[in-house]
Structure formats: structure tokens, C-alpha cells
């Protein structure tokens, strides 16, 4: 039983590190693709095919689709309620990345509702998750927790060394 608990415990930690690390890298590259560091990629405007605003959840989600080179793409952007109400009655323009057309954003949205801000927040959250898992992996008393889950013991390896 202890071997199974040890395997599950270690697997969960490594899976946690892998998922957080992968999402951090994904949002970092998305941040670069939205020209967050320097203007590497050029963006071109296109018109919207379908457009809907979902006010049921917070933050409000704007779903849209657009066409580039006879291929249809879709995207979504989370915005504040005030921004969504402002956009609801206007015609929107989508800016798409010319190199990667599936990466897009709504023109004229800046500040806290922008795609760059969303990438920064998600990179920060995934970094905190990765850091937390890494600290657990490096500094936690694993034998103690495996013993707690496997045998119901609450005995630290460090307590045994002090005797």
C-alpha cells in the first residue's frame, strides 16, 4: 500500500509541475505573439462574421469568429461589464496576427480588458502554482506525508533523527 501511495504522491507533484510549467510557457508565447515585449508580429484588421456577448458569467466573455484567407477562425476575449456594454452597440473590428491567424484580439480594447493583461495574469498564476509545487517537492517532508496517507502515522523523519 505504501508503494502505491508513494507513486500517487510523487506522480501528483510531477503532474502539477508539468501542467503549471506547460501553461506558463503557453501564456508566455501568447504574450509574445500579442507583441507584449516588442513589436515582432504585425496585425491586420478584419471584419467579424459572428459576434456574441455572454453576460451570464463574470468577467463577461465576448465570442467572435472571423475569416482570413477563406478559413474561418474563432476567438474569445474576457472583458469587464462596462467594456462589454460599450461594445454591444458598436461594430467591432478584429485584429489578427498575420503570422499566426488564429491569434486575435478585439481592436480598441486596452487596459485591464486587453489580451496582454489577460496573458500577464495567467502567467502570474501559473508561475505561483509552479513555484508552490516546486517548494513542496524540494522542502516538504515527503516520508511524513506518505506515512500519514499509507499507515495513518503522524511521525516525521526529523523527529526520529532527534531521538
C-alpha atoms as a PDB file:
ATOM      1  CA  UNK A   1       0.000   0.000   0.000  1.00  0.00           C
ATOM      2  CA  UNK A   2       2.836   2.372   0.817  1.00  0.00           C
ATOM      3  CA  UNK A   3       4.371   1.942  -2.642  1.00  0.00           C
ATOM      4  CA  UNK A   4       1.065   2.879  -4.270  1.00  0.00           C
ATOM      5  CA  UNK A   5       0.676   5.964  -2.069  1.00  0.00           C
ATOM      6  CA  UNK A   6       4.303   6.962  -2.768  1.00  0.00           C
ATOM      7  CA  UNK A   7       3.696   6.579  -6.523  1.00  0.00           C
ATOM      8  CA  UNK A   8       0.475   8.617  -6.407  1.00  0.00           C
ATOM      9  CA  UNK A   9       2.080  11.308  -4.221  1.00  0.00           C
ATOM     10  CA  UNK A  10       5.141  11.743  -6.448  1.00  0.00           C
ATOM     11  CA  UNK A  11       3.090  11.474  -9.648  1.00  0.00           C
ATOM     12  CA  UNK A  12       0.696  14.176  -8.462  1.00  0.00           C
ATOM     13  CA  UNK A  13       3.579  16.540  -7.665  1.00  0.00           C
ATOM     14  CA  UNK A  14       5.297  15.973 -11.005  1.00  0.00           C
ATOM     15  CA  UNK A  15       1.993  16.285 -12.872  1.00  0.00           C
ATOM     16  CA  UNK A  16       1.285  19.548 -11.033  1.00  0.00           C
ATOM     17  CA  UNK A  17       4.728  20.876 -12.022  1.00  0.00           C
ATOM     18  CA  UNK A  18       4.262  19.762 -15.627  1.00  0.00           C
ATOM     19  CA  UNK A  19       0.814  21.334 -16.008  1.00  0.00           C
ATOM     20  CA  UNK A  20       1.769  24.640 -14.402  1.00  0.00           C
ATOM     21  CA  UNK A  21       5.024  24.803 -16.364  1.00  0.00           C
ATOM     22  CA  UNK A  22       3.306  23.993 -19.636  1.00  0.00           C
ATOM     23  CA  UNK A  23       0.622  26.620 -19.163  1.00  0.00           C
ATOM     24  CA  UNK A  24       3.214  29.206 -18.116  1.00  0.00           C
ATOM     25  CA  UNK A  25       5.168  28.589 -21.325  1.00  0.00           C
ATOM     26  CA  UNK A  26       1.944  28.678 -23.366  1.00  0.00           C
ATOM     27  CA  UNK A  27       0.876  32.058 -21.930  1.00  0.00           C
ATOM     28  CA  UNK A  28       4.416  33.411 -22.288  1.00  0.00           C
ATOM     29  CA  UNK A  29       4.441  32.606 -26.020  1.00  0.00           C
ATOM     30  CA  UNK A  30       0.919  34.003 -26.330  1.00  0.00           C
ATOM     31  CA  UNK A  31       2.167  37.182 -24.642  1.00  0.00           C
ATOM     32  CA  UNK A  32       4.992  37.389 -27.192  1.00  0.00           C
ATOM     33  CA  UNK A  33       2.528  36.718 -30.054  1.00  0.00           C
ATOM     34  CA  UNK A  34       0.414  39.658 -28.867  1.00  0.00           C
ATOM     35  CA  UNK A  35       3.550  41.853 -29.052  1.00  0.00           C
ATOM     36  CA  UNK A  36       3.887  42.141 -25.294  1.00  0.00           C
ATOM     37  CA  UNK A  37       7.669  42.518 -25.278  1.00  0.00           C
ATOM     38  CA  UNK A  38       8.461  44.052 -28.659  1.00  0.00           C
ATOM     39  CA  UNK A  39       6.513  44.506 -31.867  1.00  0.00           C
ATOM     40  CA  UNK A  40       7.656  41.351 -33.625  1.00  0.00           C
ATOM     41  CA  UNK A  41       4.396  40.408 -35.312  1.00  0.00           C
ATOM     42  CA  UNK A  42       2.181  42.537 -37.480  1.00  0.00           C
ATOM     43  CA  UNK A  43      -1.573  42.607 -37.038  1.00  0.00           C
ATOM     44  CA  UNK A  44      -4.194  43.230 -39.706  1.00  0.00           C
ATOM     45  CA  UNK A  45      -7.848  44.198 -39.272  1.00  0.00           C
ATOM     46  CA  UNK A  46     -10.673  42.003 -40.445  1.00  0.00           C
ATOM     47  CA  UNK A  47     -14.426  42.071 -40.039  1.00  0.00           C
ATOM     48  CA  UNK A  48     -16.475  39.914 -37.729  1.00  0.00           C
ATOM     49  CA  UNK A  49     -18.649  37.059 -39.017  1.00  0.00           C
ATOM     50  CA  UNK A  50     -20.363  36.042 -35.762  1.00  0.00           C
ATOM     51  CA  UNK A  51     -20.400  38.005 -32.537  1.00  0.00           C
ATOM     52  CA  UNK A  52     -21.989  37.288 -29.157  1.00  0.00           C
ATOM     53  CA  UNK A  53     -21.612  38.584 -25.618  1.00  0.00           C
ATOM     54  CA  UNK A  54     -22.211  36.302 -22.638  1.00  0.00           C
ATOM     55  CA  UNK A  55     -23.286  38.444 -19.674  1.00  0.00           C
ATOM     56  CA  UNK A  56     -24.078  35.396 -17.505  1.00  0.00           C
ATOM     57  CA  UNK A  57     -20.540  34.984 -16.169  1.00  0.00           C
ATOM     58  CA  UNK A  58     -18.058  37.409 -14.692  1.00  0.00           C
ATOM     59  CA  UNK A  59     -15.912  38.632 -16.396  1.00  0.00           C
ATOM     60  CA  UNK A  60     -18.089  38.947 -19.478  1.00  0.00           C
ATOM     61  CA  UNK A  61     -16.971  36.817 -22.421  1.00  0.00           C
ATOM     62  CA  UNK A  62     -17.125  38.113 -25.965  1.00  0.00           C
ATOM     63  CA  UNK A  63     -17.131  35.287 -28.525  1.00  0.00           C
ATOM     64  CA  UNK A  64     -16.426  36.098 -32.148  1.00  0.00           C
ATOM     65  CA  UNK A  65     -15.437  34.498 -35.412  1.00  0.00           C
ATOM     66  CA  UNK A  66     -13.665  35.936 -38.429  1.00  0.00           C
ATOM     67  CA  UNK A  67     -12.377  34.835 -41.814  1.00  0.00           C
ATOM     68  CA  UNK A  68      -8.772  35.035 -43.069  1.00  0.00           C
ATOM     69  CA  UNK A  69      -7.743  33.615 -46.455  1.00  0.00           C
ATOM     70  CA  UNK A  70     -11.053  31.750 -46.831  1.00  0.00           C
ATOM     71  CA  UNK A  71     -10.522  29.999 -43.486  1.00  0.00           C
ATOM     72  CA  UNK A  72     -12.795  30.622 -40.520  1.00  0.00           C
ATOM     73  CA  UNK A  73     -11.288  31.245 -37.069  1.00  0.00           C
ATOM     74  CA  UNK A  74     -12.939  31.894 -33.746  1.00  0.00           C
ATOM     75  CA  UNK A  75     -11.810  33.623 -30.603  1.00  0.00           C
ATOM     76  CA  UNK A  76     -12.977  34.878 -27.253  1.00  0.00           C
ATOM     77  CA  UNK A  77     -11.995  37.719 -25.010  1.00  0.00           C
ATOM     78  CA  UNK A  78     -12.908  38.317 -21.386  1.00  0.00           C
ATOM     79  CA  UNK A  79     -13.771  41.929 -20.600  1.00  0.00           C
ATOM     80  CA  UNK A  80     -15.299  43.986 -17.822  1.00  0.00           C
ATOM     81  CA  UNK A  81     -19.076  44.544 -17.830  1.00  0.00           C
ATOM     82  CA  UNK A  82     -18.672  48.243 -18.677  1.00  0.00           C
ATOM     83  CA  UNK A  83     -16.490  47.434 -21.691  1.00  0.00           C
ATOM     84  CA  UNK A  84     -18.961  44.788 -22.914  1.00  0.00           C
ATOM     85  CA  UNK A  85     -21.892  47.202 -22.621  1.00  0.00           C
ATOM     86  CA  UNK A  86     -19.904  49.802 -24.550  1.00  0.00           C
ATOM     87  CA  UNK A  87     -19.013  47.308 -27.310  1.00  0.00           C
ATOM     88  CA  UNK A  88     -22.510  45.804 -27.512  1.00  0.00           C
ATOM     89  CA  UNK A  89     -23.934  48.634 -29.603  1.00  0.00           C
ATOM     90  CA  UNK A  90     -20.924  49.270 -31.822  1.00  0.00           C
ATOM     91  CA  UNK A  91     -19.413  47.464 -34.765  1.00  0.00           C
ATOM     92  CA  UNK A  92     -16.209  45.762 -33.732  1.00  0.00           C
ATOM     93  CA  UNK A  93     -13.069  45.078 -35.700  1.00  0.00           C
ATOM     94  CA  UNK A  94     -10.837  42.099 -35.078  1.00  0.00           C
ATOM     95  CA  UNK A  95      -7.066  42.352 -35.322  1.00  0.00           C
ATOM     96  CA  UNK A  96      -5.426  39.054 -36.246  1.00  0.00           C
ATOM     97  CA  UNK A  97      -1.772  38.077 -36.199  1.00  0.00           C
ATOM     98  CA  UNK A  98      -0.573  37.808 -39.811  1.00  0.00           C
ATOM     99  CA  UNK A  99       1.910  35.051 -38.958  1.00  0.00           C
ATOM    100  CA  UNK A 100      -0.479  33.065 -36.743  1.00  0.00           C
ATOM    101  CA  UNK A 101      -4.025  33.979 -37.880  1.00  0.00           C
ATOM    102  CA  UNK A 102      -5.652  32.015 -35.052  1.00  0.00           C
ATOM    103  CA  UNK A 103      -4.311  34.608 -32.567  1.00  0.00           C
ATOM    104  CA  UNK A 104      -6.575  37.617 -32.485  1.00  0.00           C
ATOM    105  CA  UNK A 105      -7.947  40.388 -30.328  1.00  0.00           C
ATOM    106  CA  UNK A 106     -10.700  42.966 -30.466  1.00  0.00           C
ATOM    107  CA  UNK A 107      -9.491  46.345 -31.659  1.00  0.00           C
ATOM    108  CA  UNK A 108      -9.837  49.319 -29.303  1.00  0.00           C
ATOM    109  CA  UNK A 109      -9.850  47.263 -26.091  1.00  0.00           C
ATOM    110  CA  UNK A 110      -6.994  48.208 -23.835  1.00  0.00           C
ATOM    111  CA  UNK A 111      -6.135  48.308 -20.161  1.00  0.00           C
ATOM    112  CA  UNK A 112      -7.390  45.607 -17.824  1.00  0.00           C
ATOM    113  CA  UNK A 113      -9.590  44.006 -20.507  1.00  0.00           C
ATOM    114  CA  UNK A 114      -6.828  43.573 -23.080  1.00  0.00           C
ATOM    115  CA  UNK A 115      -5.399  40.243 -24.169  1.00  0.00           C
ATOM    116  CA  UNK A 116      -1.948  41.306 -22.932  1.00  0.00           C
ATOM    117  CA  UNK A 117      -3.289  41.887 -19.430  1.00  0.00           C
ATOM    118  CA  UNK A 118      -5.031  38.501 -19.522  1.00  0.00           C
ATOM    119  CA  UNK A 119      -1.748  36.812 -20.505  1.00  0.00           C
ATOM    120  CA  UNK A 120       0.128  38.569 -17.691  1.00  0.00           C
ATOM    121  CA  UNK A 121      -2.411  37.449 -15.080  1.00  0.00           C
ATOM    122  CA  UNK A 122      -2.439  33.860 -16.299  1.00  0.00           C
ATOM    123  CA  UNK A 123       1.364  33.731 -16.474  1.00  0.00           C
ATOM    124  CA  UNK A 124       1.498  35.013 -12.905  1.00  0.00           C
ATOM    125  CA  UNK A 125      -0.996  32.454 -11.617  1.00  0.00           C
ATOM    126  CA  UNK A 126       0.705  29.543 -13.331  1.00  0.00           C
ATOM    127  CA  UNK A 127       4.104  30.721 -12.060  1.00  0.00           C
ATOM    128  CA  UNK A 128       2.774  30.840  -8.485  1.00  0.00           C
ATOM    129  CA  UNK A 129       1.339  27.323  -8.921  1.00  0.00           C
ATOM    130  CA  UNK A 130       4.642  26.066 -10.319  1.00  0.00           C
ATOM    131  CA  UNK A 131       6.617  27.734  -7.525  1.00  0.00           C
ATOM    132  CA  UNK A 132       4.323  26.277  -4.863  1.00  0.00           C
ATOM    133  CA  UNK A 133       4.669  22.748  -6.281  1.00  0.00           C
ATOM    134  CA  UNK A 134       8.435  23.166  -6.610  1.00  0.00           C
ATOM    135  CA  UNK A 135       8.749  24.291  -2.985  1.00  0.00           C
ATOM    136  CA  UNK A 136       6.695  21.312  -1.847  1.00  0.00           C
ATOM    137  CA  UNK A 137       8.867  18.991  -3.922  1.00  0.00           C
ATOM    138  CA  UNK A 138      12.114  20.414  -2.538  1.00  0.00           C
ATOM    139  CA  UNK A 139      11.317  21.215   1.086  1.00  0.00           C
ATOM    140  CA  UNK A 140       8.370  19.098   2.262  1.00  0.00           C
ATOM    141  CA  UNK A 141       8.887  16.066   4.468  1.00  0.00           C
ATOM    142  CA  UNK A 142       7.647  13.533   1.918  1.00  0.00           C
ATOM    143  CA  UNK A 143       8.168  10.474   4.094  1.00  0.00           C
ATOM    144  CA  UNK A 144       5.968  12.000   6.776  1.00  0.00           C
ATOM    145  CA  UNK A 145       3.082  12.603   4.377  1.00  0.00           C
ATOM    146  CA  UNK A 146       3.438   9.234   2.709  1.00  0.00           C
ATOM    147  CA  UNK A 147       3.327   7.675   6.182  1.00  0.00           C
ATOM    148  CA  UNK A 148       0.239   9.703   7.079  1.00  0.00           C
ATOM    149  CA  UNK A 149      -1.606   8.564   3.967  1.00  0.00           C
ATOM    150  CA  UNK A 150      -0.306   4.981   3.861  1.00  0.00           C
ATOM    151  CA  UNK A 151      -0.149   3.924   7.501  1.00  0.00           C
ATOM    152  CA  UNK A 152      -2.041   6.669   9.296  1.00  0.00           C
ATOM    153  CA  UNK A 153       1.109   7.660  11.171  1.00  0.00           C
ATOM    154  CA  UNK A 154       1.978  11.198  12.066  1.00  0.00           C
ATOM    155  CA  UNK A 155       5.671  10.753  12.578  1.00  0.00           C
ATOM    156  CA  UNK A 156       8.219  12.983  10.996  1.00  0.00           C
ATOM    157  CA  UNK A 157      11.507  11.636   9.745  1.00  0.00           C
ATOM    158  CA  UNK A 158      13.160  14.566  11.531  1.00  0.00           C
ATOM    159  CA  UNK A 159      11.591  13.587  14.863  1.00  0.00           C
ATOM    160  CA  UNK A 160      13.073  10.108  14.508  1.00  0.00           C
ATOM    161  CA  UNK A 161      16.534  11.548  13.889  1.00  0.00           C
ATOM    162  CA  UNK A 162      16.389  13.698  17.038  1.00  0.00           C
ATOM    163  CA  UNK A 163      15.897  10.714  19.405  1.00  0.00           C
END
